[in-house]
């Protein structure tokens, strides 16, 4: 909650003062200088690193894929969210469709297709600015936070994501740019 690197810094939700009815004291009444410091210390380096890695891959002749991983709250505005994981994408479904199919094969999982958020209109700052605008293959993965509450949960989800993504990322046909 220091700063959401998946939102435009000027977006009022990039540094929330209140989240789910809980006041975030460290975010209250920030000065412009304090906001700018967070942007300079966290947001800009994060996006500079992503841009540098994409540029390095492209310089080497590769078309990289961007996989953005986030988490979401189990309840939002008092409503429980049934999904264990959400796969978000825009028009480019090259990673999303096979990933949803792979994860949905496990009947114990509730997999959201553009749930709990939609990638159809704005897929988030990271995907939009680093992948969508360039035609790179991309997907945003959202895992429910309560499933990541301990090391065992993190390890379980890392293994699930690795098993789902490995065969998708092994397909040479994935690595081409789409027209933007």
C-alpha atoms as a PDB file:
ATOM      1  CA  UNK A   1       0.000   0.000   0.000  1.00  0.00           C
ATOM      2  CA  UNK A   2       3.031   2.288  -0.175  1.00  0.00           C
ATOM      3  CA  UNK A   3       2.403   2.786  -3.900  1.00  0.00           C
ATOM      4  CA  UNK A   4       0.645   0.588  -6.443  1.00  0.00           C
ATOM      5  CA  UNK A   5       3.112   0.074  -9.271  1.00  0.00           C
ATOM      6  CA  UNK A   6       0.300  -1.168 -11.492  1.00  0.00           C
ATOM      7  CA  UNK A   7      -1.440   2.212 -11.547  1.00  0.00           C
ATOM      8  CA  UNK A   8      -0.486   5.513 -13.121  1.00  0.00           C
ATOM      9  CA  UNK A   9       1.132   7.560 -10.316  1.00  0.00           C
ATOM     10  CA  UNK A  10      -1.339  10.409 -10.894  1.00  0.00           C
ATOM     11  CA  UNK A  11      -4.264   8.006 -10.280  1.00  0.00           C
ATOM     12  CA  UNK A  12      -5.820   8.804  -6.902  1.00  0.00           C
ATOM     13  CA  UNK A  13      -5.823   5.055  -6.103  1.00  0.00           C
ATOM     14  CA  UNK A  14      -2.045   4.687  -6.571  1.00  0.00           C
ATOM     15  CA  UNK A  15      -1.468   5.642  -2.928  1.00  0.00           C
ATOM     16  CA  UNK A  16      -4.633   4.874  -1.020  1.00  0.00           C
ATOM     17  CA  UNK A  17      -5.431   6.640   2.227  1.00  0.00           C
ATOM     18  CA  UNK A  18      -8.214   4.166   2.980  1.00  0.00           C
ATOM     19  CA  UNK A  19      -8.484   0.573   1.781  1.00  0.00           C
ATOM     20  CA  UNK A  20     -11.546  -1.527   2.480  1.00  0.00           C
ATOM     21  CA  UNK A  21     -12.586   0.914   5.185  1.00  0.00           C
ATOM     22  CA  UNK A  22      -9.208   0.747   6.945  1.00  0.00           C
ATOM     23  CA  UNK A  23      -7.291   3.992   7.287  1.00  0.00           C
ATOM     24  CA  UNK A  24      -3.661   3.699   6.215  1.00  0.00           C
ATOM     25  CA  UNK A  25      -1.891   6.151   8.525  1.00  0.00           C
ATOM     26  CA  UNK A  26       1.326   6.254   6.506  1.00  0.00           C
ATOM     27  CA  UNK A  27      -0.604   7.394   3.439  1.00  0.00           C
ATOM     28  CA  UNK A  28      -2.676  10.135   5.074  1.00  0.00           C
ATOM     29  CA  UNK A  29      -2.064  13.722   4.075  1.00  0.00           C
ATOM     30  CA  UNK A  30       1.095  13.087   2.090  1.00  0.00           C
ATOM     31  CA  UNK A  31       2.762  16.152   0.683  1.00  0.00           C
ATOM     32  CA  UNK A  32       3.574  16.369  -3.028  1.00  0.00           C
ATOM     33  CA  UNK A  33       7.238  15.824  -2.099  1.00  0.00           C
ATOM     34  CA  UNK A  34       6.395  12.645  -0.163  1.00  0.00           C
ATOM     35  CA  UNK A  35       4.339  11.282  -3.081  1.00  0.00           C
ATOM     36  CA  UNK A  36       7.130  12.159  -5.502  1.00  0.00           C
ATOM     37  CA  UNK A  37       9.666  10.408  -3.267  1.00  0.00           C
ATOM     38  CA  UNK A  38       7.651   7.172  -3.433  1.00  0.00           C
ATOM     39  CA  UNK A  39       7.356   7.516  -7.193  1.00  0.00           C
ATOM     40  CA  UNK A  40      11.107   8.120  -7.527  1.00  0.00           C
ATOM     41  CA  UNK A  41      12.175   5.425  -5.043  1.00  0.00           C
ATOM     42  CA  UNK A  42       9.725   2.631  -5.954  1.00  0.00           C
ATOM     43  CA  UNK A  43       7.569   3.209  -9.020  1.00  0.00           C
ATOM     44  CA  UNK A  44      10.180   4.519 -11.470  1.00  0.00           C
ATOM     45  CA  UNK A  45      12.902   1.951 -10.656  1.00  0.00           C
ATOM     46  CA  UNK A  46      10.369  -0.889 -10.915  1.00  0.00           C
ATOM     47  CA  UNK A  47       9.245   0.188 -14.379  1.00  0.00           C
ATOM     48  CA  UNK A  48      12.776   1.092 -15.494  1.00  0.00           C
ATOM     49  CA  UNK A  49      13.884  -2.460 -14.667  1.00  0.00           C
ATOM     50  CA  UNK A  50      11.005  -4.002 -16.620  1.00  0.00           C
ATOM     51  CA  UNK A  51      11.736  -1.725 -19.583  1.00  0.00           C
ATOM     52  CA  UNK A  52      15.449  -2.572 -19.438  1.00  0.00           C
ATOM     53  CA  UNK A  53      14.795  -6.319 -19.398  1.00  0.00           C
ATOM     54  CA  UNK A  54      12.385  -6.065 -22.332  1.00  0.00           C
ATOM     55  CA  UNK A  55      14.856  -3.897 -24.259  1.00  0.00           C
ATOM     56  CA  UNK A  56      17.673  -6.377 -23.586  1.00  0.00           C
ATOM     57  CA  UNK A  57      15.562  -9.269 -24.848  1.00  0.00           C
ATOM     58  CA  UNK A  58      14.551  -7.344 -27.953  1.00  0.00           C
ATOM     59  CA  UNK A  59      18.148  -6.252 -28.591  1.00  0.00           C
ATOM     60  CA  UNK A  60      19.025  -9.940 -28.580  1.00  0.00           C
ATOM     61  CA  UNK A  61      16.322 -10.570 -31.180  1.00  0.00           C
ATOM     62  CA  UNK A  62      13.757 -12.083 -28.817  1.00  0.00           C
ATOM     63  CA  UNK A  63      10.105 -11.192 -28.375  1.00  0.00           C
ATOM     64  CA  UNK A  64       9.617 -11.449 -24.610  1.00  0.00           C
ATOM     65  CA  UNK A  65       6.399 -12.372 -22.825  1.00  0.00           C
ATOM     66  CA  UNK A  66       5.283 -10.320 -19.822  1.00  0.00           C
ATOM     67  CA  UNK A  67       3.751 -12.201 -16.910  1.00  0.00           C
ATOM     68  CA  UNK A  68       2.517  -9.819 -14.197  1.00  0.00           C
ATOM     69  CA  UNK A  69       1.655 -11.441 -10.852  1.00  0.00           C
ATOM     70  CA  UNK A  70      -0.458  -9.687  -8.248  1.00  0.00           C
ATOM     71  CA  UNK A  71      -2.774 -10.614  -5.403  1.00  0.00           C
ATOM     72  CA  UNK A  72      -6.305  -9.592  -4.503  1.00  0.00           C
ATOM     73  CA  UNK A  73      -8.282  -9.376  -1.270  1.00  0.00           C
ATOM     74  CA  UNK A  74     -10.631 -12.260  -0.413  1.00  0.00           C
ATOM     75  CA  UNK A  75     -13.411  -9.744   0.323  1.00  0.00           C
ATOM     76  CA  UNK A  76     -14.144  -6.486  -1.425  1.00  0.00           C
ATOM     77  CA  UNK A  77     -16.726  -4.012  -0.207  1.00  0.00           C
ATOM     78  CA  UNK A  78     -18.090  -6.668   2.130  1.00  0.00           C
ATOM     79  CA  UNK A  79     -18.550  -9.313  -0.575  1.00  0.00           C
ATOM     80  CA  UNK A  80     -16.566 -12.555  -0.576  1.00  0.00           C
ATOM     81  CA  UNK A  81     -14.718 -13.294  -3.774  1.00  0.00           C
ATOM     82  CA  UNK A  82     -15.050 -16.931  -4.854  1.00  0.00           C
ATOM     83  CA  UNK A  83     -12.034 -17.060  -7.156  1.00  0.00           C
ATOM     84  CA  UNK A  84      -8.775 -18.626  -6.062  1.00  0.00           C
ATOM     85  CA  UNK A  85      -7.024 -17.100  -9.036  1.00  0.00           C
ATOM     86  CA  UNK A  86      -7.899 -14.664 -11.787  1.00  0.00           C
ATOM     87  CA  UNK A  87      -6.343 -14.573 -15.228  1.00  0.00           C
ATOM     88  CA  UNK A  88      -6.595 -11.108 -16.759  1.00  0.00           C
ATOM     89  CA  UNK A  89      -6.025 -10.196 -20.349  1.00  0.00           C
ATOM     90  CA  UNK A  90      -7.159  -7.826 -23.024  1.00  0.00           C
ATOM     91  CA  UNK A  91      -7.667  -8.794 -26.658  1.00  0.00           C
ATOM     92  CA  UNK A  92      -4.467 -10.837 -26.679  1.00  0.00           C
ATOM     93  CA  UNK A  93      -5.502 -14.204 -25.261  1.00  0.00           C
ATOM     94  CA  UNK A  94      -2.380 -16.167 -26.287  1.00  0.00           C
ATOM     95  CA  UNK A  95      -1.378 -16.860 -22.703  1.00  0.00           C
ATOM     96  CA  UNK A  96      -4.714 -16.368 -20.927  1.00  0.00           C
ATOM     97  CA  UNK A  97      -6.786 -19.019 -22.714  1.00  0.00           C
ATOM     98  CA  UNK A  98      -4.383 -21.943 -22.330  1.00  0.00           C
ATOM     99  CA  UNK A  99      -3.603 -20.881 -18.771  1.00  0.00           C
ATOM    100  CA  UNK A 100      -7.277 -20.799 -17.813  1.00  0.00           C
ATOM    101  CA  UNK A 101      -7.710 -24.239 -19.397  1.00  0.00           C
ATOM    102  CA  UNK A 102      -4.705 -25.649 -17.524  1.00  0.00           C
ATOM    103  CA  UNK A 103      -5.758 -24.249 -14.151  1.00  0.00           C
ATOM    104  CA  UNK A 104      -9.425 -25.176 -14.656  1.00  0.00           C
ATOM    105  CA  UNK A 105      -8.403 -28.821 -15.118  1.00  0.00           C
ATOM    106  CA  UNK A 106      -7.982 -28.824 -11.328  1.00  0.00           C
ATOM    107  CA  UNK A 107     -11.628 -28.989 -10.245  1.00  0.00           C
ATOM    108  CA  UNK A 108     -10.722 -27.727  -6.764  1.00  0.00           C
ATOM    109  CA  UNK A 109      -9.798 -24.317  -8.211  1.00  0.00           C
ATOM    110  CA  UNK A 110     -12.177 -21.483  -9.001  1.00  0.00           C
ATOM    111  CA  UNK A 111     -10.499 -19.683 -11.896  1.00  0.00           C
ATOM    112  CA  UNK A 112     -11.663 -16.244 -12.960  1.00  0.00           C
ATOM    113  CA  UNK A 113     -11.485 -15.167 -16.587  1.00  0.00           C
ATOM    114  CA  UNK A 114     -10.971 -11.411 -16.240  1.00  0.00           C
ATOM    115  CA  UNK A 115     -12.149 -11.758 -12.639  1.00  0.00           C
ATOM    116  CA  UNK A 116     -11.948 -10.262 -10.064  1.00  0.00           C
ATOM    117  CA  UNK A 117     -10.772  -7.482 -12.369  1.00  0.00           C
ATOM    118  CA  UNK A 118     -11.099  -7.070 -16.097  1.00  0.00           C
ATOM    119  CA  UNK A 119      -8.193  -6.657 -18.450  1.00  0.00           C
ATOM    120  CA  UNK A 120     -10.519  -5.949 -21.364  1.00  0.00           C
ATOM    121  CA  UNK A 121     -10.449  -2.165 -21.117  1.00  0.00           C
ATOM    122  CA  UNK A 122      -7.334  -1.340 -19.176  1.00  0.00           C
ATOM    123  CA  UNK A 123      -5.087  -4.185 -18.158  1.00  0.00           C
ATOM    124  CA  UNK A 124      -3.114  -2.187 -15.651  1.00  0.00           C
ATOM    125  CA  UNK A 125      -0.190   0.163 -16.021  1.00  0.00           C
ATOM    126  CA  UNK A 126       2.451  -2.566 -16.244  1.00  0.00           C
ATOM    127  CA  UNK A 127       0.862  -4.612 -19.014  1.00  0.00           C
ATOM    128  CA  UNK A 128      -0.435  -1.609 -20.933  1.00  0.00           C
ATOM    129  CA  UNK A 129       2.837   0.297 -20.982  1.00  0.00           C
ATOM    130  CA  UNK A 130       5.308  -2.538 -21.332  1.00  0.00           C
ATOM    131  CA  UNK A 131       3.456  -5.140 -23.391  1.00  0.00           C
ATOM    132  CA  UNK A 132       0.073  -4.222 -24.887  1.00  0.00           C
ATOM    133  CA  UNK A 133       1.328  -1.039 -26.591  1.00  0.00           C
ATOM    134  CA  UNK A 134       4.171  -3.072 -28.117  1.00  0.00           C
ATOM    135  CA  UNK A 135       2.158  -6.137 -29.154  1.00  0.00           C
ATOM    136  CA  UNK A 136       4.032  -8.419 -26.751  1.00  0.00           C
ATOM    137  CA  UNK A 137       2.359 -11.552 -25.376  1.00  0.00           C
ATOM    138  CA  UNK A 138       1.209 -10.865 -21.822  1.00  0.00           C
ATOM    139  CA  UNK A 139      -1.090 -11.858 -19.011  1.00  0.00           C
ATOM    140  CA  UNK A 140      -1.831 -10.647 -15.506  1.00  0.00           C
ATOM    141  CA  UNK A 141      -2.272 -13.246 -12.794  1.00  0.00           C
ATOM    142  CA  UNK A 142      -4.149 -12.387  -9.599  1.00  0.00           C
ATOM    143  CA  UNK A 143      -3.968 -14.853  -6.668  1.00  0.00           C
ATOM    144  CA  UNK A 144      -6.256 -14.431  -3.673  1.00  0.00           C
ATOM    145  CA  UNK A 145      -4.226 -13.096  -0.734  1.00  0.00           C
ATOM    146  CA  UNK A 146      -5.449 -15.526   1.921  1.00  0.00           C
ATOM    147  CA  UNK A 147      -3.980 -18.362  -0.185  1.00  0.00           C
ATOM    148  CA  UNK A 148      -0.558 -16.713   0.049  1.00  0.00           C
ATOM    149  CA  UNK A 149      -0.613 -16.133   3.818  1.00  0.00           C
ATOM    150  CA  UNK A 150       2.303 -18.457   4.615  1.00  0.00           C
ATOM    151  CA  UNK A 151       5.330 -20.037   2.966  1.00  0.00           C
ATOM    152  CA  UNK A 152       3.427 -23.240   2.195  1.00  0.00           C
ATOM    153  CA  UNK A 153       0.747 -21.292   0.352  1.00  0.00           C
ATOM    154  CA  UNK A 154       3.313 -19.307  -1.606  1.00  0.00           C
ATOM    155  CA  UNK A 155       5.156 -22.502  -2.561  1.00  0.00           C
ATOM    156  CA  UNK A 156       1.913 -24.216  -3.583  1.00  0.00           C
ATOM    157  CA  UNK A 157       0.900 -21.349  -5.856  1.00  0.00           C
ATOM    158  CA  UNK A 158       4.387 -20.987  -7.314  1.00  0.00           C
ATOM    159  CA  UNK A 159       4.262 -24.680  -8.274  1.00  0.00           C
ATOM    160  CA  UNK A 160       0.728 -24.388  -9.713  1.00  0.00           C
ATOM    161  CA  UNK A 161       1.689 -21.370 -11.796  1.00  0.00           C
ATOM    162  CA  UNK A 162       4.904 -23.015 -12.986  1.00  0.00           C
ATOM    163  CA  UNK A 163       3.016 -26.139 -14.127  1.00  0.00           C
ATOM    164  CA  UNK A 164       0.397 -24.058 -15.938  1.00  0.00           C
ATOM    165  CA  UNK A 165       2.838 -21.628 -17.557  1.00  0.00           C
ATOM    166  CA  UNK A 166       5.729 -23.903 -18.552  1.00  0.00           C
ATOM    167  CA  UNK A 167       4.029 -25.588 -21.543  1.00  0.00           C
ATOM    168  CA  UNK A 168       2.568 -22.263 -22.718  1.00  0.00           C
ATOM    169  CA  UNK A 169       5.903 -20.473 -22.553  1.00  0.00           C
ATOM    170  CA  UNK A 170       7.593 -23.399 -24.324  1.00  0.00           C
ATOM    171  CA  UNK A 171       5.604 -22.756 -27.514  1.00  0.00           C
ATOM    172  CA  UNK A 172       7.742 -20.922 -30.063  1.00  0.00           C
ATOM    173  CA  UNK A 173       4.623 -19.565 -31.790  1.00  0.00           C
ATOM    174  CA  UNK A 174       3.940 -17.412 -28.711  1.00  0.00           C
ATOM    175  CA  UNK A 175       6.948 -15.210 -29.322  1.00  0.00           C
ATOM    176  CA  UNK A 176       5.741 -12.856 -32.011  1.00  0.00           C
ATOM    177  CA  UNK A 177       4.415  -9.325 -31.804  1.00  0.00           C
ATOM    178  CA  UNK A 178       0.803  -8.555 -32.586  1.00  0.00           C
ATOM    179  CA  UNK A 179      -0.094  -5.383 -34.484  1.00  0.00           C
ATOM    180  CA  UNK A 180      -0.882  -2.546 -32.085  1.00  0.00           C
END
